Amino acid sequence: MIKRTVEISQKPAHLSVRLDQLLIQPHDVPEGVGTSSIPCEDLGILVVDHSQCTYSHHALARIAEHGGVLVVCGRDHLPAAVLLPLADHNEVVWRINDQLGVSRPLRKQLWRQIVQAKIRAQAGNLPRGDTRSRLLEMARDVRSGDPTNMEAQAAKVYWSAWLAAEAIEGVARKTEKCQPTGMDAQRFRRDPDGTDPLNVMLNYGYAVLRASVARAIIGAGLLPAIGIHHSSRSNPFCLADDLVEPLRPIVDRRVRQLYVIHARRELNQPTKAGILQVLGEPVATGGETGPLMVAVQRMVVSFLKCLRDVTDGLCVPMLPPIEGGEAP
């Protein structure tokens, strides 16, 4: 069963638990009036973006015990903290040993697969043409460990075309709707610290997706701090940062749809709700199609298999190309 994603941002509320139901009680109404309830076992990710929300200790404990994730947003409305459950897996020590024992050549091969999948997914976000073909060719040229930093080279090509007229027309042809963007490819620059609407929306989507990946990693009995490429000693989510890379283009496509089709120009509640829907987006993974949140778990399972035998290959959730053509 797919877990639910819940976002609280419009009104301050108190979160508590009764009979294993998470109760969301708005502050501005009498107790028992307007209370929403969700079975704790159904909750996958809870995003709280209101500084006046309060919680009972029992609520936080039950969310974690059922494998749910709490994402707390800061004053900039971007995720500032994540509450993750501790691993409750009967092979957790074996799996951590697998992580610690992975050889350098295997890490480099896995990183190659991740970079290739990311570039192919970026190509799938662009209409058929020279740029898409160029990205697919770059994906084929990625070598073990990506020593030539093909990931960065592809990003430069991708972001210069992501909001180009051809890409916008591709979205419009598919949906028969298109709003003036007021921004062209030359004016948009992907900046993780950018404060313009597009960069803020992308950052929000990436952060929520990262939390979902971290949840799947911990659920599989792995340590999120031990990555295969990312290795900052101050980063507790190195592995999540590795595995989220090929999934970022799924967020890119959703944000572009919200910007172009729905004319969303700020990170308000409707925009965040639209971005969160990406976790239920149907994606293909290893010959199966299902919601992204479930597919992320399949990807982590395939990662586990790769730690023991890389010939299995990493199964990465993928969207179909926006206009058909060569499969990414």
Foldseek 3Di string as FASTA:
>chain_A
DAADEEEAADAAWEWEDDPQWTWTGGPPDPPPPPIDTDRLLRHAEYEYEYPRHHYDPRRLVSNQVSLHKYFYADPLRATDDMDGHAFDDPCLVVLQVLLVPFDLQLLQQQLLLLLLLQLLQLLLLADDDDLSVVSNVLNVVQDRNRPVPSSVVSVVSSLLRNFAPRSQVLLCVVVVAWDDLVDHSVRDDADCPDDWALNVQLSRLLRVQLSLLCSLQSHVSYQQQRDSNDHPPPDSRRNSVSQCSSVSSLLSNQSVCCCIGVVDGHPDDVSSVSSVCQQFDWWDWPNDTGGNSVNSNVQSVLVSVSSVPVVSPGTHTHDARSHHDDGD
